[in-house]
Protein backbone atom coordinates (compact mmCIF):
# COMPACT_ATOMS: atom_id res chain seq x y z
CA MET A 1 62.34 -156.41 -11.13
CA THR A 2 59.98 -157.56 -13.79
CA LEU A 3 57.43 -154.95 -15.11
CA PRO A 4 53.88 -156.06 -15.60
CA THR A 5 53.10 -156.86 -19.14
CA GLN A 6 49.67 -155.14 -18.95
CA LEU A 7 48.84 -151.62 -17.58
CA PRO A 8 45.93 -151.26 -15.18
CA THR A 9 42.71 -149.92 -16.59
CA PHE A 10 40.33 -147.32 -14.98
CA PRO A 11 36.63 -147.45 -15.34
CA ALA A 12 35.16 -144.96 -17.88
CA PRO A 13 32.99 -142.16 -16.42
CA ASP A 14 29.33 -142.72 -16.73
CA THR A 15 27.07 -140.44 -18.79
CA CYS A 16 25.79 -138.40 -15.84
CA SER A 17 29.26 -137.47 -14.58
CA ARG A 18 30.34 -136.39 -18.05
CA THR A 19 27.29 -134.13 -18.44
CA ALA A 20 27.84 -132.45 -15.06
CA LEU A 21 31.48 -131.73 -15.91
CA LEU A 22 30.54 -130.10 -19.20
CA SER A 23 27.89 -127.91 -17.49
CA LEU A 24 30.43 -126.67 -14.92
CA CYS A 25 32.90 -125.69 -17.62
CA ALA A 26 30.24 -123.83 -19.55
CA LEU A 27 29.20 -121.87 -16.43
CA LEU A 28 32.78 -120.82 -15.71
CA LEU A 29 33.31 -119.69 -19.28
CA SER A 30 30.06 -117.67 -19.18
CA ALA A 31 31.10 -115.89 -15.97
CA CYS A 32 34.47 -114.99 -17.40
CA GLY A 33 32.89 -113.61 -20.54
CA ALA A 34 30.38 -111.52 -18.62
CA SER A 35 33.15 -109.93 -16.57
CA ASN A 36 34.99 -108.80 -19.68
CA ASP A 37 32.35 -107.63 -22.15
CA GLY A 38 31.23 -104.41 -20.22
CA SER A 39 27.53 -105.27 -20.33
CA ALA A 40 24.98 -102.86 -18.83
CA ASP A 41 23.92 -105.34 -16.17
CA ASN A 42 26.98 -104.54 -14.03
CA GLU A 43 27.06 -100.67 -14.46
CA ASP A 44 26.84 -98.40 -11.38
CA PRO A 45 23.28 -97.29 -10.66
CA PRO A 46 22.48 -93.60 -11.34
CA VAL A 47 22.81 -91.11 -8.44
CA GLU A 48 19.53 -89.68 -7.22
CA VAL A 49 19.56 -85.86 -7.35
CA ALA A 50 17.14 -82.95 -6.98
CA VAL A 51 17.26 -80.11 -9.48
CA ALA A 52 16.09 -76.49 -9.82
CA SER A 53 15.62 -74.39 -12.94
CA VAL A 54 17.74 -71.40 -13.91
CA ALA A 55 15.77 -68.16 -14.47
CA SER A 56 16.45 -64.48 -15.07
CA ALA A 57 17.42 -62.71 -11.85
CA THR A 58 14.74 -60.52 -10.30
CA PHE A 59 17.00 -59.08 -7.59
CA GLY A 60 20.17 -57.09 -7.60
CA GLU A 61 23.08 -56.73 -5.25
CA ARG A 62 22.22 -55.90 -1.65
CA PHE A 63 24.64 -54.49 0.86
CA SER A 64 24.71 -52.41 4.02
CA LEU A 65 26.47 -49.16 4.85
CA THR A 66 26.77 -46.98 7.93
CA GLY A 67 25.60 -43.38 7.76
CA THR A 68 25.34 -40.34 10.00
CA VAL A 69 22.01 -38.71 10.82
CA THR A 70 21.98 -34.97 10.18
CA ALA A 71 19.16 -32.48 10.56
CA GLU A 72 17.60 -31.07 7.43
CA ARG A 73 17.61 -27.67 9.13
CA GLU A 74 19.88 -26.54 11.93
CA ALA A 75 20.37 -22.95 13.04
CA ARG A 76 22.64 -21.16 15.48
CA LEU A 77 20.49 -18.26 16.62
CA SER A 78 21.81 -14.86 17.62
CA PRO A 79 19.99 -11.63 18.56
CA ARG A 80 19.14 -9.20 15.81
CA VAL A 81 20.07 -6.14 17.92
CA ASP A 82 22.43 -5.43 20.77
CA GLY A 83 20.83 -5.43 24.17
CA LEU A 84 20.38 -6.81 27.66
CA VAL A 85 18.71 -10.23 27.95
CA ALA A 86 15.46 -9.74 29.85
CA ARG A 87 13.84 -13.20 29.54
CA VAL A 88 14.80 -16.64 28.23
CA HIS A 89 11.64 -18.65 27.58
CA VAL A 90 13.21 -22.00 26.63
CA ASP A 91 15.82 -24.46 27.76
CA ALA A 92 17.83 -27.18 26.05
CA GLY A 93 15.57 -30.03 24.96
CA ASP A 94 12.42 -27.92 24.61
CA ARG A 95 10.38 -28.45 21.47
CA VAL A 96 9.28 -25.17 19.88
CA HIS A 97 7.20 -24.14 16.88
CA ALA A 98 7.92 -21.58 14.19
CA GLY A 99 7.31 -17.99 15.38
CA GLN A 100 7.46 -18.81 19.08
CA VAL A 101 9.39 -16.18 21.07
CA LEU A 102 12.52 -17.74 22.54
CA ILE A 103 14.39 -14.78 24.05
CA GLU A 104 13.42 -11.17 24.85
CA LEU A 105 15.85 -8.30 25.25
CA ASP A 106 15.17 -5.28 27.46
CA PRO A 107 13.09 -2.95 25.21
CA ALA A 108 13.31 0.22 27.31
CA VAL A 109 15.91 2.00 25.16
CA GLY A 110 14.21 0.87 22.00
CA ARG A 111 10.86 2.19 23.12
CA GLU A 112 12.36 5.62 23.85
CA ALA A 113 13.99 5.70 20.43
CA LEU A 114 10.66 4.76 18.85
CA SER A 115 8.84 7.53 20.71
CA ARG A 116 11.41 10.06 19.54
CA ALA A 117 11.17 8.85 15.94
CA ARG A 118 7.38 9.06 16.01
CA ALA A 119 7.49 12.59 17.40
CA GLN A 120 9.88 13.59 14.64
CA ALA A 121 7.51 12.07 12.12
CA VAL A 122 4.60 14.08 13.51
CA GLU A 123 6.67 17.26 13.37
CA ALA A 124 7.69 16.57 9.79
CA GLU A 125 4.10 15.88 8.77
CA ALA A 126 3.04 19.24 10.26
CA ALA A 127 5.84 21.04 8.42
CA SER A 128 4.78 19.36 5.20
CA ARG A 129 1.19 20.48 5.65
CA GLU A 130 2.34 24.04 6.37
CA ALA A 131 4.47 24.04 3.23
CA GLU A 132 1.47 22.88 1.24
CA ARG A 133 -0.63 25.73 2.64
CA LEU A 134 2.01 28.35 1.80
CA TYR A 135 2.39 26.99 -1.73
CA ALA A 136 -1.35 27.08 -2.33
CA GLU A 137 -1.50 30.66 -1.01
CA ALA A 138 1.34 31.71 -3.29
CA GLU A 139 -0.47 30.33 -6.33
CA ARG A 140 -3.55 32.46 -5.52
CA LEU A 141 -1.47 35.60 -4.97
CA VAL A 142 0.54 35.23 -8.15
CA ALA A 143 -2.69 35.00 -10.12
CA GLY A 144 -3.59 38.54 -8.92
CA ARG A 145 -0.02 39.71 -9.47
CA PHE A 146 0.41 40.41 -5.76
CA ILE A 147 3.71 38.47 -5.51
CA ALA A 148 6.44 37.57 -7.94
CA ALA A 149 6.52 34.24 -9.72
CA THR A 150 9.90 33.46 -8.18
CA GLN A 151 8.29 33.33 -4.74
CA VAL A 152 5.90 30.64 -5.96
CA GLU A 153 8.84 28.61 -7.19
CA ALA A 154 10.60 29.01 -3.83
CA ARG A 155 7.52 27.82 -1.95
CA ALA A 156 7.24 24.85 -4.33
CA SER A 157 10.81 23.88 -3.52
CA ALA A 158 10.12 24.26 0.19
CA LEU A 159 7.09 21.94 -0.17
CA GLU A 160 9.20 19.26 -1.82
CA ARG A 161 11.78 19.46 0.97
CA ALA A 162 9.05 19.26 3.59
CA ARG A 163 7.45 16.25 1.97
CA ALA A 164 10.85 14.52 1.73
CA ALA A 165 11.53 15.25 5.38
CA ALA A 166 8.14 13.84 6.35
CA GLY A 167 8.84 10.67 4.36
CA SER A 168 12.22 10.29 6.01
CA ALA A 169 10.68 10.78 9.44
CA ARG A 170 8.05 8.12 8.74
CA ALA A 171 10.77 5.74 7.59
CA GLY A 172 12.76 6.45 10.74
CA ALA A 173 9.76 5.67 12.91
CA ALA A 174 9.16 2.42 11.00
CA GLU A 175 12.83 1.51 11.43
CA GLN A 176 12.66 2.06 15.16
CA GLN A 177 9.49 -0.01 15.30
CA ALA A 178 11.29 -2.87 13.53
CA LEU A 179 14.28 -2.54 15.83
CA LEU A 180 11.99 -2.72 18.82
CA GLU A 181 10.38 -5.88 17.46
CA ARG A 182 13.85 -7.33 16.97
CA HIS A 183 14.31 -7.31 20.71
CA ARG A 184 12.28 -10.52 20.54
CA LEU A 185 14.02 -13.60 19.06
CA PRO A 186 11.48 -15.97 17.41
CA ALA A 187 12.01 -19.58 16.28
CA PRO A 188 12.57 -19.68 12.50
CA PHE A 189 11.13 -23.22 12.22
CA ASP A 190 9.73 -26.08 14.26
CA GLY A 191 12.41 -27.94 16.14
CA VAL A 192 14.17 -28.76 19.38
CA VAL A 193 16.47 -26.45 21.33
CA ALA A 194 19.79 -28.27 21.22
CA GLU A 195 21.80 -25.79 23.27
CA LYS A 196 21.19 -22.67 25.39
CA ARG A 197 24.14 -20.33 25.77
CA THR A 198 22.77 -17.27 27.55
CA GLU A 199 20.80 -16.28 30.62
CA ALA A 200 18.77 -13.28 31.73
CA GLY A 201 20.95 -10.31 32.69
CA GLU A 202 23.66 -10.89 30.08
CA TRP A 203 24.53 -8.29 27.48
CA VAL A 204 24.52 -9.77 24.01
CA GLU A 205 25.43 -8.38 20.63
CA ARG A 206 24.43 -9.17 17.10
CA GLY A 207 26.28 -12.28 15.92
CA THR A 208 26.58 -13.74 19.43
CA GLU A 209 25.21 -17.30 19.45
CA VAL A 210 22.58 -17.65 22.16
CA LEU A 211 20.61 -20.75 21.09
CA SER A 212 21.00 -23.75 18.80
CA LEU A 213 17.83 -25.05 17.14
CA VAL A 214 17.54 -28.36 15.29
CA ALA A 215 14.61 -29.59 13.21
CA THR A 216 13.93 -33.28 13.91
CA ASP A 217 10.82 -33.95 11.84
CA HIS A 218 12.83 -34.37 8.62
CA VAL A 219 16.33 -35.76 8.88
CA ARG A 220 18.98 -36.70 6.37
CA ILE A 221 21.45 -39.56 6.27
CA ASP A 222 24.94 -38.86 4.95
CA VAL A 223 26.57 -42.01 3.63
CA ARG A 224 30.04 -42.56 2.23
CA VAL A 225 29.79 -44.87 -0.79
CA PRO A 226 32.79 -46.72 -2.29
CA GLN A 227 33.78 -45.40 -5.69
CA GLU A 228 33.14 -48.75 -7.44
CA ARG A 229 29.48 -48.63 -6.42
CA PHE A 230 28.74 -44.91 -6.60
CA ALA A 231 27.99 -44.91 -10.34
CA ARG A 232 25.28 -47.56 -9.84
CA PHE A 233 23.13 -45.36 -7.60
CA ASP A 234 20.26 -44.14 -9.77
CA ASP A 235 16.52 -43.62 -9.37
CA ASP A 236 15.85 -47.38 -9.39
CA VAL A 237 17.88 -48.02 -6.25
CA VAL A 238 15.79 -48.98 -3.21
CA VAL A 239 17.12 -47.69 0.11
CA ARG A 240 15.89 -48.08 3.67
CA VAL A 241 17.30 -46.85 6.96
CA ALA A 242 17.19 -47.90 10.61
CA THR A 243 18.89 -46.75 13.78
CA ASP A 244 21.78 -48.73 15.19
CA ALA A 245 19.82 -49.12 18.41
CA PRO A 246 18.35 -52.62 18.95
CA GLY A 247 14.84 -52.98 17.58
CA GLY A 248 15.06 -49.94 15.32
CA ALA A 249 12.34 -50.00 12.67
CA TRP A 250 13.24 -49.76 9.01
CA LEU A 251 12.14 -46.56 7.28
CA PRO A 252 12.04 -45.90 3.53
CA ALA A 253 14.51 -43.33 2.23
CA ARG A 254 15.12 -41.58 -1.05
CA ILE A 255 18.26 -40.20 -2.62
CA VAL A 256 18.24 -36.40 -2.68
CA ALA A 257 21.87 -35.63 -3.48
CA ARG A 258 24.86 -37.30 -5.05
CA VAL A 259 28.09 -35.42 -4.52
CA PRO A 260 30.52 -36.51 -7.25
CA VAL A 261 33.60 -35.35 -5.37
CA THR A 262 35.69 -38.06 -3.78
CA GLU A 263 37.14 -37.82 -0.31
CA VAL A 264 40.89 -37.86 -0.72
CA GLY A 265 42.43 -41.02 0.73
CA ALA A 266 39.15 -42.82 1.37
CA ARG A 267 38.05 -43.02 -2.29
CA THR A 268 34.43 -42.58 -1.30
CA PHE A 269 31.63 -40.27 -2.42
CA LEU A 270 28.91 -38.58 -0.40
CA LEU A 271 25.37 -39.85 -0.84
CA ARG A 272 22.61 -37.91 0.95
CA LEU A 273 19.31 -39.58 1.79
CA GLN A 274 16.02 -38.01 2.86
CA VAL A 275 14.01 -39.86 5.52
CA ASP A 276 10.55 -39.11 6.87
CA ASP A 277 10.68 -40.12 10.53
CA PRO A 278 7.25 -39.54 12.09
CA HIS A 279 8.29 -41.04 15.43
CA ALA A 280 11.57 -39.09 15.67
CA GLY A 281 13.58 -42.27 16.12
CA LEU A 282 16.49 -40.97 14.07
CA LEU A 283 18.31 -38.37 16.14
CA PRO A 284 20.76 -35.94 14.52
CA GLY A 285 24.33 -36.89 15.27
CA SER A 286 23.62 -40.59 15.73
CA SER A 287 24.64 -43.40 13.40
CA ALA A 288 22.24 -45.37 11.23
CA ARG A 289 22.21 -48.55 9.18
CA VAL A 290 21.56 -48.11 5.49
CA GLU A 291 20.44 -51.09 3.42
CA VAL A 292 20.78 -50.70 -0.35
CA ALA A 293 19.08 -52.87 -2.98
CA LEU A 294 20.46 -52.30 -6.46
CA PRO A 295 18.39 -53.25 -9.53
CA PRO A 296 19.22 -56.60 -11.16
CA ALA A 297 21.81 -56.71 -13.91
CA ALA A 298 20.35 -57.12 -17.38
CA ASP A 299 22.17 -60.42 -18.06
CA ALA A 300 22.03 -61.90 -14.55
CA LEU A 301 20.61 -65.39 -13.98
CA ALA A 302 19.44 -66.81 -10.65
CA PHE A 303 18.99 -70.24 -9.07
CA ASP A 304 18.97 -71.97 -5.68
CA ARG A 305 22.28 -71.27 -3.95
CA ASP A 306 22.45 -74.91 -2.77
CA ALA A 307 23.61 -75.74 -6.30
CA LEU A 308 26.91 -73.88 -5.76
CA LEU A 309 30.09 -75.86 -5.20
CA ARG A 310 33.33 -74.23 -4.13
CA GLN A 311 36.29 -74.95 -6.40
CA PRO A 312 39.93 -75.22 -5.28
CA ASP A 313 40.79 -71.88 -6.94
CA GLY A 314 38.11 -70.10 -4.91
CA GLY A 315 35.57 -69.95 -7.74
CA HIS A 316 32.24 -71.72 -8.01
CA ALA A 317 30.77 -74.46 -10.15
CA VAL A 318 27.41 -76.19 -10.55
CA PHE A 319 26.30 -79.50 -12.00
CA VAL A 320 23.88 -79.12 -14.90
CA VAL A 321 21.69 -82.10 -15.82
CA GLU A 322 21.94 -82.81 -19.54
CA ASP A 323 20.15 -85.51 -21.53
CA ASP A 324 22.68 -87.98 -22.92
CA ALA A 325 21.89 -90.45 -25.65
CA THR A 326 20.24 -92.91 -23.28
CA ARG A 327 20.06 -91.29 -19.84
CA PRO A 328 20.54 -87.95 -18.03
CA VAL A 329 24.04 -87.11 -16.84
CA ALA A 330 25.54 -84.33 -14.71
CA ARG A 331 28.03 -81.95 -16.31
CA ARG A 332 30.17 -79.55 -14.27
CA HIS A 333 29.91 -75.86 -15.31
CA ALA A 334 32.05 -73.07 -13.89
CA VAL A 335 30.02 -69.96 -12.99
CA ARG A 336 30.81 -66.44 -11.76
CA VAL A 337 28.65 -65.46 -8.81
CA ILE A 338 28.00 -61.72 -8.48
CA HIS A 339 25.78 -61.74 -5.38
CA GLU A 340 23.40 -63.79 -3.27
CA HIS A 341 20.09 -63.00 -1.60
CA ALA A 342 17.33 -64.92 0.19
CA GLY A 343 18.73 -68.33 -0.68
CA GLN A 344 19.29 -67.43 -4.32
CA ALA A 345 22.55 -66.93 -6.20
CA ALA A 346 22.94 -64.62 -9.20
CA VAL A 347 25.53 -65.30 -11.91
CA VAL A 348 26.42 -63.55 -15.16
CA GLU A 349 28.06 -66.32 -17.16
CA GLY A 350 28.24 -70.09 -17.52
CA LEU A 351 24.50 -70.90 -17.65
CA ALA A 352 21.37 -70.30 -19.69
CA VAL A 353 17.72 -69.79 -18.79
CA GLY A 354 15.84 -73.07 -18.40
CA GLN A 355 18.80 -75.28 -17.56
CA ARG A 356 18.49 -77.61 -14.60
CA VAL A 357 21.09 -77.42 -11.85
CA VAL A 358 21.60 -80.03 -9.12
CA VAL A 359 20.71 -78.74 -5.66
CA ARG A 360 20.66 -82.04 -3.72
CA GLY A 361 23.11 -84.88 -4.13
CA ASN A 362 25.76 -82.77 -5.85
CA GLU A 363 28.39 -83.14 -3.14
CA ALA A 364 29.83 -86.42 -4.44
CA LEU A 365 28.94 -86.12 -8.13
CA GLU A 366 31.54 -86.48 -10.84
CA ASP A 367 31.51 -84.91 -14.26
CA GLY A 368 29.54 -87.08 -16.67
CA GLN A 369 28.00 -89.28 -13.98
CA ALA A 370 24.54 -90.66 -14.61
CA VAL A 371 21.77 -89.23 -12.44
CA ALA A 372 18.15 -89.93 -11.64
CA ILE A 373 16.02 -86.87 -10.87
CA VAL A 374 13.84 -87.07 -7.77
CA GLU A 375 11.30 -84.64 -6.33
CA HIS A 376 12.92 -81.54 -4.78
């Protein structure tokens, strides 16, 4: 086979085709360079977030306890003398006032004893007057030397004995009068009869409980406080109380006693509260809810609790907006939450007053991510 002596020739590209090819190559090279030089045109846009400012906390820890309502005054009444019950004027549940007669004992024997004591007092008074007369007569006679001086002295001694006997008789009559009055059992204070334990016709003795009286106008709440919180109860603590019954109104209370003796095993201390209950809604023996508001800690800071994020170790963190060289970014800060109240969280470390924490849009943020602040 004989090869051709001249190779075939191709037509040269025209000017327009050559220009188009060069433009395409330049475009491809530009795209490759833009994908490798990290220019700002292809950066992720900032995440829109809402922020809130950090301020000093104006609230302290709040918690609830359960207490027991006790009466400020409660008495187990017994008769002041032995005797037969003649009348019982009250029953359980009756409201009484101070001085009101509750029970009367049969006064017949007491009246007879009083009459005898009064008669003895009259007799002693007469003997005393007679002794005075004899002594005065002896003084006149001794002046005229009609009797001896020793007789005057004897009559003076007799007068002293008579006067002493008269005084004793008067005291005996007064004692019988008091014993007669003690046949009537009065109420020592305003209150409600909680229990009646006697009836007319029974013989009762001193020390025998016949009635139980409870004052309900002023009640106390006894609360057992954990030992880690007991030391924080001072005059700045705000306390209010309500019954456990549905719809119970809250009433202000004040601390009247702190008993610094722990209950063995429970590690709690007794805190006694005074409550003014004008509507008698707190009944002795019932349970009550006690809400305690402690004063804020001196170094506590507060912010919107929506800024809190739970960490894997159980702690909390927040994103703080910081101004970077060119744009704001979000930085993660670990915080220690001490308590929360009314949508606010209080912390004692990790933040400073005036910092801005992210409260919206923080769920998917990453540390150091650029943010754009929007209206909260």
